[in-house]
PDB file of N, CA and C in Angstrom:
ATOM      1  N   MET A   1      12.224   5.312  -4.004  1.00  0.00           N
ATOM      2  CA  MET A   1      13.305   5.536  -4.585  1.00  0.00           C
ATOM      3  C   MET A   1      14.134   4.285  -4.080  1.00  0.00           C
ATOM      4  N   GLY A   2      15.640   3.707  -4.392  1.00  0.00           N
ATOM      5  CA  GLY A   2      16.080   2.352  -4.321  1.00  0.00           C
ATOM      6  C   GLY A   2      17.572   2.621  -4.639  1.00  0.00           C
ATOM      7  N   GLY A   3      18.076   1.251  -4.288  1.00  0.00           N
ATOM      8  CA  GLY A   3      19.450   1.263  -4.804  1.00  0.00           C
ATOM      9  C   GLY A   3      19.659   0.125  -5.030  1.00  0.00           C
ATOM     10  N   VAL A   4      20.744  -0.919  -5.746  1.00  0.00           N
ATOM     11  CA  VAL A   4      21.401  -1.944  -5.697  1.00  0.00           C
ATOM     12  C   VAL A   4      22.321  -2.015  -5.441  1.00  0.00           C
ATOM     13  N   PHE A   5      23.057  -2.486  -4.892  1.00  0.00           N
ATOM     14  CA  PHE A   5      25.305  -2.637  -4.317  1.00  0.00           C
ATOM     15  C   PHE A   5      25.337  -4.482  -5.324  1.00  0.00           C
ATOM     16  N   GLN A   6      25.696  -4.522  -5.896  1.00  0.00           N
ATOM     17  CA  GLN A   6      26.150  -5.917  -6.749  1.00  0.00           C
ATOM     18  C   GLN A   6      28.050  -6.052  -6.721  1.00  0.00           C
ATOM     19  N   PRO A   7      28.616  -5.974  -5.553  1.00  0.00           N
ATOM     20  CA  PRO A   7      30.205  -5.905  -5.603  1.00  0.00           C
ATOM     21  C   PRO A   7      30.189  -7.190  -6.748  1.00  0.00           C
ATOM     22  N   ASP A   8      31.511  -6.778  -7.443  1.00  0.00           N
ATOM     23  CA  ASP A   8      32.350  -7.344  -7.916  1.00  0.00           C
ATOM     24  C   ASP A   8      33.184  -8.680  -6.982  1.00  0.00           C
ATOM     25  N   TYR A   9      33.464  -8.575  -6.438  1.00  0.00           N
ATOM     26  CA  TYR A   9      33.856  -9.596  -5.018  1.00  0.00           C
ATOM     27  C   TYR A   9      33.529 -10.698  -4.288  1.00  0.00           C
ATOM     28  N   LEU A  10      31.960 -10.588  -4.790  1.00  0.00           N
ATOM     29  CA  LEU A  10      31.190 -11.244  -3.871  1.00  0.00           C
ATOM     30  C   LEU A  10      29.958 -11.641  -5.214  1.00  0.00           C
ATOM     31  N   PRO A  11      30.383 -12.632  -5.378  1.00  0.00           N
ATOM     32  CA  PRO A  11      29.075 -13.114  -6.755  1.00  0.00           C
ATOM     33  C   PRO A  11      27.958 -14.004  -5.969  1.00  0.00           C
ATOM     34  N   GLY A  12      27.167 -13.431  -6.862  1.00  0.00           N
ATOM     35  CA  GLY A  12      26.075 -14.139  -6.323  1.00  0.00           C
ATOM     36  C   GLY A  12      25.402 -12.636  -5.273  1.00  0.00           C
ATOM     37  N   PHE A  13      25.882 -11.999  -4.862  1.00  0.00           N
ATOM     38  CA  PHE A  13      25.835 -11.042  -3.706  1.00  0.00           C
ATOM     39  C   PHE A  13      24.840  -9.790  -4.277  1.00  0.00           C
ATOM     40  N   ALA A  14      23.955  -9.129  -3.770  1.00  0.00           N
ATOM     41  CA  ALA A  14      22.804  -7.715  -4.188  1.00  0.00           C
ATOM     42  C   ALA A  14      22.460  -7.434  -2.794  1.00  0.00           C
ATOM     43  N   LEU A  15      22.381  -6.278  -2.958  1.00  0.00           N
ATOM     44  CA  LEU A  15      22.061  -5.488  -1.187  1.00  0.00           C
ATOM     45  C   LEU A  15      21.274  -4.538  -1.728  1.00  0.00           C
ATOM     46  N   THR A  16      19.747  -4.377  -1.873  1.00  0.00           N
ATOM     47  CA  THR A  16      19.082  -3.316  -2.527  1.00  0.00           C
ATOM     48  C   THR A  16      18.160  -2.880  -1.132  1.00  0.00           C
ATOM     49  N   ILE A  17      17.640  -1.265  -1.331  1.00  0.00           N
ATOM     50  CA  ILE A  17      17.406  -0.670  -0.411  1.00  0.00           C
ATOM     51  C   ILE A  17      16.289   0.289  -1.035  1.00  0.00           C
ATOM     52  N   ASP A  18      15.296   0.051  -0.652  1.00  0.00           N
ATOM     53  CA  ASP A  18      14.250   0.734  -0.635  1.00  0.00           C
ATOM     54  C   ASP A  18      13.801   1.754  -0.202  1.00  0.00           C
ATOM     55  N   TYR A  19      13.177   2.766  -0.321  1.00  0.00           N
ATOM     56  CA  TYR A  19      12.302   3.554   0.378  1.00  0.00           C
ATOM     57  C   TYR A  19      11.140   3.698  -0.208  1.00  0.00           C
ATOM     58  N   TYR A  20      10.039   3.857   0.715  1.00  0.00           N
ATOM     59  CA  TYR A  20       8.157   4.556   0.109  1.00  0.00           C
ATOM     60  C   TYR A  20       8.119   4.672   0.981  1.00  0.00           C
ATOM     61  N   LYS A  21       6.939   6.297   0.772  1.00  0.00           N
ATOM     62  CA  LYS A  21       6.738   7.683   1.530  1.00  0.00           C
ATOM     63  C   LYS A  21       5.259   7.360   0.991  1.00  0.00           C
ATOM     64  N   ILE A  22       4.624   6.348   1.721  1.00  0.00           N
ATOM     65  CA  ILE A  22       3.261   6.564   1.329  1.00  0.00           C
ATOM     66  C   ILE A  22       1.861   6.733   2.759  1.00  0.00           C
ATOM     67  N   ARG A  23       1.614   7.623   2.327  1.00  0.00           N
ATOM     68  CA  ARG A  23       0.324   8.538   2.845  1.00  0.00           C
ATOM     69  C   ARG A  23      -0.893   8.312   2.780  1.00  0.00           C
ATOM     70  N   LEU A  24      -1.568   7.624   3.803  1.00  0.00           N
ATOM     71  CA  LEU A  24      -3.497   6.876   3.725  1.00  0.00           C
ATOM     72  C   LEU A  24      -3.677   8.594   4.518  1.00  0.00           C
ATOM     73  N   THR A  25      -5.463   8.263   3.690  1.00  0.00           N
ATOM     74  CA  THR A  25      -5.871   9.432   4.407  1.00  0.00           C
ATOM     75  C   THR A  25      -7.323   9.197   4.279  1.00  0.00           C
ATOM     76  N   ASP A  26      -8.558   8.667   5.686  1.00  0.00           N
ATOM     77  CA  ASP A  26      -9.329   8.040   5.745  1.00  0.00           C
ATOM     78  C   ASP A  26      -9.600   6.987   5.049  1.00  0.00           C
ATOM     79  N   ALA A  27      -8.655   5.449   5.522  1.00  0.00           N
ATOM     80  CA  ALA A  27      -8.822   4.993   4.148  1.00  0.00           C
ATOM     81  C   ALA A  27      -9.304   3.811   4.735  1.00  0.00           C
ATOM     82  N   ILE A  28      -9.615   4.295   6.666  1.00  0.00           N
ATOM     83  CA  ILE A  28     -10.654   2.197   7.187  1.00  0.00           C
ATOM     84  C   ILE A  28     -12.050   2.946   6.893  1.00  0.00           C
ATOM     85  N   THR A  29     -12.994   2.116   6.250  1.00  0.00           N
ATOM     86  CA  THR A  29     -14.418   2.987   5.941  1.00  0.00           C
ATOM     87  C   THR A  29     -15.186   1.504   6.322  1.00  0.00           C
ATOM     88  N   THR A  30     -16.769   1.672   6.347  1.00  0.00           N
ATOM     89  CA  THR A  30     -17.496   0.814   6.586  1.00  0.00           C
ATOM     90  C   THR A  30     -17.531  -0.010   5.447  1.00  0.00           C
ATOM     91  N   PRO A  31     -17.563  -1.120   5.788  1.00  0.00           N
ATOM     92  CA  PRO A  31     -17.886  -2.079   4.016  1.00  0.00           C
ATOM     93  C   PRO A  31     -19.851  -1.720   3.738  1.00  0.00           C
ATOM     94  N   ARG A  32     -19.914  -1.507   2.191  1.00  0.00           N
ATOM     95  CA  ARG A  32     -21.352  -1.573   2.371  1.00  0.00           C
ATOM     96  C   ARG A  32     -21.867  -2.986   2.068  1.00  0.00           C
ATOM     97  N   SER A  33     -23.182  -2.761   2.058  1.00  0.00           N
ATOM     98  CA  SER A  33     -24.094  -4.582   1.920  1.00  0.00           C
ATOM     99  C   SER A  33     -23.287  -5.342   0.219  1.00  0.00           C
ATOM    100  N   GLY A  34     -23.225  -4.620  -0.483  1.00  0.00           N
ATOM    101  CA  GLY A  34     -22.725  -4.587  -2.215  1.00  0.00           C
ATOM    102  C   GLY A  34     -21.674  -4.647  -2.216  1.00  0.00           C
ATOM    103  N   THR A  35     -21.074  -4.984  -0.814  1.00  0.00           N
ATOM    104  CA  THR A  35     -19.140  -5.669  -1.711  1.00  0.00           C
ATOM    105  C   THR A  35     -18.963  -6.897  -1.831  1.00  0.00           C
ATOM    106  N   PRO A  36     -17.779  -7.909  -2.656  1.00  0.00           N
ATOM    107  CA  PRO A  36     -17.710  -8.993  -2.916  1.00  0.00           C
ATOM    108  C   PRO A  36     -17.481  -9.964  -1.942  1.00  0.00           C
ATOM    109  N   TRP A  37     -17.261  -9.288  -0.950  1.00  0.00           N
ATOM    110  CA  TRP A  37     -17.003 -10.053   0.558  1.00  0.00           C
ATOM    111  C   TRP A  37     -18.047 -10.046   0.914  1.00  0.00           C
ATOM    112  N   THR A  38     -19.151  -9.910   1.076  1.00  0.00           N
ATOM    113  CA  THR A  38     -20.221  -9.490   1.999  1.00  0.00           C
ATOM    114  C   THR A  38     -21.067 -10.325   0.814  1.00  0.00           C
ATOM    115  N   ARG A  39     -21.086 -10.331  -0.111  1.00  0.00           N
ATOM    116  CA  ARG A  39     -21.780 -11.251  -1.345  1.00  0.00           C
ATOM    117  C   ARG A  39     -21.025 -13.066  -0.800  1.00  0.00           C
ATOM    118  N   VAL A  40     -20.015 -12.792  -1.144  1.00  0.00           N
ATOM    119  CA  VAL A  40     -19.145 -14.398  -0.926  1.00  0.00           C
ATOM    120  C   VAL A  40     -20.110 -15.055   0.366  1.00  0.00           C
ATOM    121  N   SER A  41     -19.307 -14.228   1.815  1.00  0.00           N
ATOM    122  CA  SER A  41     -19.680 -14.721   3.006  1.00  0.00           C
ATOM    123  C   SER A  41     -20.627 -15.012   3.313  1.00  0.00           C
ATOM    124  N   THR A  42     -22.028 -14.533   2.114  1.00  0.00           N
ATOM    125  CA  THR A  42     -23.521 -14.431   2.980  1.00  0.00           C
ATOM    126  C   THR A  42     -23.762 -16.110   1.780  1.00  0.00           C
ATOM    127  N   ARG A  43     -23.274 -16.484   1.129  1.00  0.00           N
ATOM    128  CA  ARG A  43     -23.870 -17.893   0.464  1.00  0.00           C
ATOM    129  C   ARG A  43     -23.382 -19.041   1.463  1.00  0.00           C
ATOM    130  N   PRO A  44     -24.797 -19.573   0.845  1.00  0.00           N
ATOM    131  CA  PRO A  44     -25.171 -20.330   2.071  1.00  0.00           C
ATOM    132  C   PRO A  44     -23.899 -21.658   1.424  1.00  0.00           C
ATOM    133  N   SER A  45     -22.877 -22.767   2.449  1.00  0.00           N
ATOM    134  CA  SER A  45     -22.089 -23.381   1.806  1.00  0.00           C
ATOM    135  C   SER A  45     -22.466 -24.612   1.602  1.00  0.00           C
ATOM    136  N   THR A  46     -21.591 -25.109   0.289  1.00  0.00           N
ATOM    137  CA  THR A  46     -21.684 -26.427  -0.457  1.00  0.00           C
ATOM    138  C   THR A  46     -20.842 -27.047  -0.572  1.00  0.00           C
ATOM    139  N   ARG A  47     -19.727 -26.932   0.789  1.00  0.00           N
ATOM    140  CA  ARG A  47     -18.963 -28.434   1.252  1.00  0.00           C
ATOM    141  C   ARG A  47     -19.791 -29.393   1.063  1.00  0.00           C
ATOM    142  N   VAL A  48     -19.662 -30.924   1.363  1.00  0.00           N
ATOM    143  CA  VAL A  48     -20.379 -31.961   1.279  1.00  0.00           C
ATOM    144  C   VAL A  48     -19.016 -32.736   2.511  1.00  0.00           C
TER     145      VAL A  48
END
């Protein structure tokens, strides 16, 4: 939900207000060995 206030007497001015309600349950987990980051981080370095 949100709103925008743009008064005519202040050209170029805009005030926005946003409201978020996000609920996360059990969001922190242990990464498995097949995750993309694990595969990238275990490759040998190719920098010269």
